[in-house]
Amino acid sequence: MRWMIVVCALAGLAAMQDTAQQIHKQGKLEFPNGCAVDLDEGQVGFGGSAGVDGDGVNVVFLDDGVHESPLRANGDFKSSDFWFEGGKKRFLHPQHGTRFSSGAIAAEGFVACAKAVYVNRAIRIDKLSASAQICVHTSEGRYASIRITDYNPQTTRLHLTYTTWEK
């Protein structure tokens, strides 16, 4: 009887490992008001030519083509998932088909994000708790999780950690 329990437990463990979702990208991002973020590639930027922002912090200014504005008002570039609006009220605005979970998700990880309910509208982040997880369905069809780790009101810079899973 004990051997049967052990065999069943090992078979269950093997099945769980087979369904574990692989991480595509993860890390930390820092960006100012108006910047856009691509969670599929872990990039922050605007559009247009390469450079460094006014505070001397490296920001990837992606060149999306000759018709891209060097600095759009909403920090848009072709593969970006959302742009950040800083100030007293802070929002993440989805773009290019990206959607956010309808609220902060209590459970963690890929399964929680895969089961989340998504909306195609901006999400207000200044009222969220420090540990709040926001799930994202990216413009490239991946699930991602973000956590806001810090916001500096003087510089309007947002800091977050993210994990984006493979499709």
C-alpha atoms as a PDB file:
ATOM      1  CA  MET A   1       0.000   0.000   0.000  1.00  0.00           C
ATOM      2  CA  ARG A   2       2.825   2.419   0.845  1.00  0.00           C
ATOM      3  CA  TRP A   3       4.521   1.787  -2.501  1.00  0.00           C
ATOM      4  CA  MET A   4       1.285   2.589  -4.300  1.00  0.00           C
ATOM      5  CA  ILE A   5       1.051   5.940  -2.483  1.00  0.00           C
ATOM      6  CA  VAL A   6       4.684   6.756  -3.311  1.00  0.00           C
ATOM      7  CA  VAL A   7       4.223   5.846  -6.984  1.00  0.00           C
ATOM      8  CA  CYS A   8       1.047   7.950  -7.209  1.00  0.00           C
ATOM      9  CA  ALA A   9       2.781  10.889  -5.502  1.00  0.00           C
ATOM     10  CA  LEU A  10       5.753  10.688  -7.883  1.00  0.00           C
ATOM     11  CA  ALA A  11       3.448  10.455 -10.904  1.00  0.00           C
ATOM     12  CA  GLY A  12       1.583  13.538  -9.679  1.00  0.00           C
ATOM     13  CA  LEU A  13       4.864  15.418  -9.163  1.00  0.00           C
ATOM     14  CA  ALA A  14       6.027  14.537 -12.685  1.00  0.00           C
ATOM     15  CA  ALA A  15       2.726  15.771 -14.111  1.00  0.00           C
ATOM     16  CA  MET A  16       3.078  19.061 -12.223  1.00  0.00           C
ATOM     17  CA  GLN A  17       6.600  19.559 -13.580  1.00  0.00           C
ATOM     18  CA  ASP A  18       5.382  18.964 -17.142  1.00  0.00           C
ATOM     19  CA  THR A  19       2.803  21.753 -16.781  1.00  0.00           C
ATOM     20  CA  ALA A  20       5.167  24.294 -15.160  1.00  0.00           C
ATOM     21  CA  GLN A  21       5.207  27.346 -17.394  1.00  0.00           C
ATOM     22  CA  GLN A  22       8.603  28.525 -18.602  1.00  0.00           C
ATOM     23  CA  ILE A  23       9.638  32.122 -17.899  1.00  0.00           C
ATOM     24  CA  HIS A  24      10.193  34.223 -21.014  1.00  0.00           C
ATOM     25  CA  LYS A  25      11.572  37.372 -19.286  1.00  0.00           C
ATOM     26  CA  GLN A  26      11.726  38.755 -15.771  1.00  0.00           C
ATOM     27  CA  GLY A  27      13.423  41.556 -13.942  1.00  0.00           C
ATOM     28  CA  LYS A  28      13.116  45.079 -12.607  1.00  0.00           C
ATOM     29  CA  LEU A  29      12.176  48.178 -14.568  1.00  0.00           C
ATOM     30  CA  GLU A  30      12.385  51.868 -13.713  1.00  0.00           C
ATOM     31  CA  PHE A  31      10.812  54.554 -15.877  1.00  0.00           C
ATOM     32  CA  PRO A  32       9.413  58.097 -15.694  1.00  0.00           C
ATOM     33  CA  ASN A  33       5.958  59.489 -16.365  1.00  0.00           C
ATOM     34  CA  GLY A  34       4.967  59.055 -20.007  1.00  0.00           C
ATOM     35  CA  CYS A  35       7.192  56.051 -20.744  1.00  0.00           C
ATOM     36  CA  ALA A  36       5.937  52.874 -22.343  1.00  0.00           C
ATOM     37  CA  VAL A  37       6.840  49.308 -21.327  1.00  0.00           C
ATOM     38  CA  ASP A  38       7.141  46.098 -23.333  1.00  0.00           C
ATOM     39  CA  LEU A  39       6.876  43.161 -20.897  1.00  0.00           C
ATOM     40  CA  ASP A  40       7.540  40.627 -23.666  1.00  0.00           C
ATOM     41  CA  GLU A  41      11.073  41.991 -24.118  1.00  0.00           C
ATOM     42  CA  GLY A  42      11.625  43.854 -20.844  1.00  0.00           C
ATOM     43  CA  GLN A  43      12.074  47.207 -22.571  1.00  0.00           C
ATOM     44  CA  VAL A  44      11.186  50.738 -21.562  1.00  0.00           C
ATOM     45  CA  GLY A  45      11.044  53.600 -24.014  1.00  0.00           C
ATOM     46  CA  PHE A  46       9.225  56.049 -26.186  1.00  0.00           C
ATOM     47  CA  GLY A  47       9.730  55.725 -29.940  1.00  0.00           C
ATOM     48  CA  GLY A  48      12.193  57.343 -32.301  1.00  0.00           C
ATOM     49  CA  SER A  49      15.955  57.672 -31.828  1.00  0.00           C
ATOM     50  CA  ALA A  50      18.306  56.254 -29.194  1.00  0.00           C
ATOM     51  CA  GLY A  51      19.435  58.293 -26.204  1.00  0.00           C
ATOM     52  CA  VAL A  52      19.382  58.963 -22.489  1.00  0.00           C
ATOM     53  CA  ASP A  53      16.584  60.807 -20.725  1.00  0.00           C
ATOM     54  CA  GLY A  54      16.990  64.270 -19.160  1.00  0.00           C
ATOM     55  CA  ASP A  55      17.927  62.885 -15.730  1.00  0.00           C
ATOM     56  CA  GLY A  56      20.835  60.872 -17.123  1.00  0.00           C
ATOM     57  CA  VAL A  57      19.050  57.556 -16.610  1.00  0.00           C
ATOM     58  CA  ASN A  58      19.359  55.069 -19.469  1.00  0.00           C
ATOM     59  CA  VAL A  59      16.077  54.551 -21.264  1.00  0.00           C
ATOM     60  CA  VAL A  60      15.764  52.495 -24.425  1.00  0.00           C
ATOM     61  CA  PHE A  61      14.442  54.812 -27.131  1.00  0.00           C
ATOM     62  CA  LEU A  62      13.314  52.303 -29.724  1.00  0.00           C
ATOM     63  CA  ASP A  63      13.442  53.150 -33.408  1.00  0.00           C
ATOM     64  CA  ASP A  64      10.194  51.812 -34.848  1.00  0.00           C
ATOM     65  CA  GLY A  65      10.582  53.386 -38.253  1.00  0.00           C
ATOM     66  CA  VAL A  66      10.918  56.674 -40.049  1.00  0.00           C
ATOM     67  CA  HIS A  67       7.323  57.713 -39.314  1.00  0.00           C
ATOM     68  CA  GLU A  68       7.597  57.336 -35.537  1.00  0.00           C
ATOM     69  CA  SER A  69       7.603  60.496 -33.452  1.00  0.00           C
ATOM     70  CA  PRO A  70      10.706  60.811 -31.252  1.00  0.00           C
ATOM     71  CA  LEU A  71       8.551  61.413 -28.179  1.00  0.00           C
ATOM     72  CA  ARG A  72       4.848  60.717 -28.264  1.00  0.00           C
ATOM     73  CA  ALA A  73       2.664  62.076 -25.509  1.00  0.00           C
ATOM     74  CA  ASN A  74       1.704  58.576 -24.393  1.00  0.00           C
ATOM     75  CA  GLY A  75       5.110  56.926 -24.689  1.00  0.00           C
ATOM     76  CA  ASP A  76       4.027  54.696 -27.552  1.00  0.00           C
ATOM     77  CA  PHE A  77       6.223  52.267 -29.489  1.00  0.00           C
ATOM     78  CA  LYS A  78       5.090  49.358 -31.659  1.00  0.00           C
ATOM     79  CA  SER A  79       5.526  46.481 -29.218  1.00  0.00           C
ATOM     80  CA  SER A  80       4.742  48.340 -25.987  1.00  0.00           C
ATOM     81  CA  ASP A  81       2.126  46.871 -23.672  1.00  0.00           C
ATOM     82  CA  PHE A  82       1.248  49.945 -21.632  1.00  0.00           C
ATOM     83  CA  TRP A  83       2.314  53.474 -20.797  1.00  0.00           C
ATOM     84  CA  PHE A  84       2.615  55.075 -17.374  1.00  0.00           C
ATOM     85  CA  GLU A  85       0.790  58.211 -16.254  1.00  0.00           C
ATOM     86  CA  GLY A  86       2.414  59.653 -13.120  1.00  0.00           C
ATOM     87  CA  GLY A  87       1.279  62.331 -10.694  1.00  0.00           C
ATOM     88  CA  LYS A  88      -1.125  62.314  -7.727  1.00  0.00           C
ATOM     89  CA  LYS A  89      -3.258  59.751  -9.511  1.00  0.00           C
ATOM     90  CA  ARG A  90      -1.169  57.104 -11.249  1.00  0.00           C
ATOM     91  CA  PHE A  91      -2.386  54.841 -14.047  1.00  0.00           C
ATOM     92  CA  LEU A  92      -1.107  52.162 -16.370  1.00  0.00           C
ATOM     93  CA  HIS A  93      -2.767  52.569 -19.788  1.00  0.00           C
ATOM     94  CA  PRO A  94      -2.913  49.466 -22.013  1.00  0.00           C
ATOM     95  CA  GLN A  95      -2.025  49.704 -25.696  1.00  0.00           C
ATOM     96  CA  HIS A  96      -1.660  47.440 -28.729  1.00  0.00           C
ATOM     97  CA  GLY A  97      -4.206  44.920 -27.455  1.00  0.00           C
ATOM     98  CA  THR A  98      -2.765  44.484 -23.956  1.00  0.00           C
ATOM     99  CA  ARG A  99      -5.240  43.877 -21.131  1.00  0.00           C
ATOM    100  CA  PHE A 100      -4.920  44.076 -17.330  1.00  0.00           C
ATOM    101  CA  SER A 101      -6.508  41.887 -14.675  1.00  0.00           C
ATOM    102  CA  SER A 102      -9.639  43.599 -13.435  1.00  0.00           C
ATOM    103  CA  GLY A 103      -7.994  44.090 -10.028  1.00  0.00           C
ATOM    104  CA  ALA A 104      -5.065  42.985  -7.907  1.00  0.00           C
ATOM    105  CA  ILE A 105      -4.715  39.177  -7.809  1.00  0.00           C
ATOM    106  CA  ALA A 106      -4.267  37.480  -4.425  1.00  0.00           C
ATOM    107  CA  ALA A 107      -2.734  34.239  -5.741  1.00  0.00           C
ATOM    108  CA  GLU A 108       0.685  34.300  -7.400  1.00  0.00           C
ATOM    109  CA  GLY A 109       2.134  32.876 -10.556  1.00  0.00           C
ATOM    110  CA  PHE A 110       1.218  31.795 -14.057  1.00  0.00           C
ATOM    111  CA  VAL A 111      -1.898  29.808 -13.132  1.00  0.00           C
ATOM    112  CA  ALA A 112      -3.429  32.765 -11.298  1.00  0.00           C
ATOM    113  CA  CYS A 113      -2.746  35.071 -14.254  1.00  0.00           C
ATOM    114  CA  ALA A 114      -4.037  32.528 -16.777  1.00  0.00           C
ATOM    115  CA  LYS A 115      -7.328  32.325 -14.846  1.00  0.00           C
ATOM    116  CA  ALA A 116      -7.671  36.077 -14.202  1.00  0.00           C
ATOM    117  CA  VAL A 117     -10.459  38.204 -15.625  1.00  0.00           C
ATOM    118  CA  TYR A 118      -9.047  40.853 -17.988  1.00  0.00           C
ATOM    119  CA  VAL A 119     -10.271  44.287 -19.043  1.00  0.00           C
ATOM    120  CA  ASN A 120      -9.135  46.627 -21.792  1.00  0.00           C
ATOM    121  CA  ARG A 121      -8.931  49.822 -19.750  1.00  0.00           C
ATOM    122  CA  ALA A 122      -6.439  51.744 -17.641  1.00  0.00           C
ATOM    123  CA  ILE A 123      -5.762  50.519 -14.134  1.00  0.00           C
ATOM    124  CA  ARG A 124      -5.220  52.950 -11.268  1.00  0.00           C
ATOM    125  CA  ILE A 125      -2.141  51.907  -9.293  1.00  0.00           C
ATOM    126  CA  ASP A 126      -1.725  54.604  -6.617  1.00  0.00           C
ATOM    127  CA  LYS A 127      -4.402  52.966  -4.435  1.00  0.00           C
ATOM    128  CA  LEU A 128      -2.904  49.442  -4.598  1.00  0.00           C
ATOM    129  CA  SER A 129      -1.080  47.858  -1.680  1.00  0.00           C
ATOM    130  CA  ALA A 130       2.693  47.433  -2.000  1.00  0.00           C
ATOM    131  CA  SER A 131       2.334  43.653  -2.378  1.00  0.00           C
ATOM    132  CA  ALA A 132      -0.417  43.792  -5.015  1.00  0.00           C
ATOM    133  CA  GLN A 133       0.117  41.659  -8.110  1.00  0.00           C
ATOM    134  CA  ILE A 134      -1.368  42.855 -11.395  1.00  0.00           C
ATOM    135  CA  CYS A 135      -1.703  40.297 -14.143  1.00  0.00           C
ATOM    136  CA  VAL A 136      -1.216  41.352 -17.750  1.00  0.00           C
ATOM    137  CA  HIS A 137      -2.157  39.690 -21.038  1.00  0.00           C
ATOM    138  CA  THR A 138       0.510  41.220 -23.276  1.00  0.00           C
ATOM    139  CA  SER A 139       0.300  42.509 -26.835  1.00  0.00           C
ATOM    140  CA  GLU A 140       2.116  39.346 -27.976  1.00  0.00           C
ATOM    141  CA  GLY A 141      -0.315  37.014 -26.167  1.00  0.00           C
ATOM    142  CA  ARG A 142       1.791  36.109 -23.120  1.00  0.00           C
ATOM    143  CA  TYR A 143       0.741  36.278 -19.484  1.00  0.00           C
ATOM    144  CA  ALA A 144       2.780  38.489 -17.182  1.00  0.00           C
ATOM    145  CA  SER A 145       2.726  39.573 -13.568  1.00  0.00           C
ATOM    146  CA  ILE A 146       3.856  42.974 -12.287  1.00  0.00           C
ATOM    147  CA  ARG A 147       4.370  44.390  -8.812  1.00  0.00           C
ATOM    148  CA  ILE A 148       4.883  48.071  -8.117  1.00  0.00           C
ATOM    149  CA  THR A 149       7.897  48.333  -5.801  1.00  0.00           C
ATOM    150  CA  ASP A 150       8.356  52.105  -5.544  1.00  0.00           C
ATOM    151  CA  TYR A 151       7.209  55.459  -6.842  1.00  0.00           C
ATOM    152  CA  ASN A 152       9.185  58.690  -6.462  1.00  0.00           C
ATOM    153  CA  PRO A 153       6.799  61.678  -6.649  1.00  0.00           C
ATOM    154  CA  GLN A 154       9.658  64.168  -7.131  1.00  0.00           C
ATOM    155  CA  THR A 155      10.919  62.457 -10.300  1.00  0.00           C
ATOM    156  CA  THR A 156       7.627  60.682 -11.171  1.00  0.00           C
ATOM    157  CA  ARG A 157       9.669  57.480 -11.627  1.00  0.00           C
ATOM    158  CA  LEU A 158       7.899  54.164 -11.180  1.00  0.00           C
ATOM    159  CA  HIS A 159       9.772  51.004 -10.171  1.00  0.00           C
ATOM    160  CA  LEU A 160       8.313  47.558 -10.741  1.00  0.00           C
ATOM    161  CA  THR A 161       9.268  43.909 -10.927  1.00  0.00           C
ATOM    162  CA  TYR A 162       7.818  41.668 -13.602  1.00  0.00           C
ATOM    163  CA  THR A 163       7.666  38.092 -14.817  1.00  0.00           C
ATOM    164  CA  THR A 164       6.505  37.226 -18.334  1.00  0.00           C
ATOM    165  CA  TRP A 165       5.826  33.579 -19.170  1.00  0.00           C
ATOM    166  CA  GLU A 166       6.223  31.749 -22.472  1.00  0.00           C
ATOM    167  CA  LYS A 167       3.074  31.169 -24.537  1.00  0.00           C
END
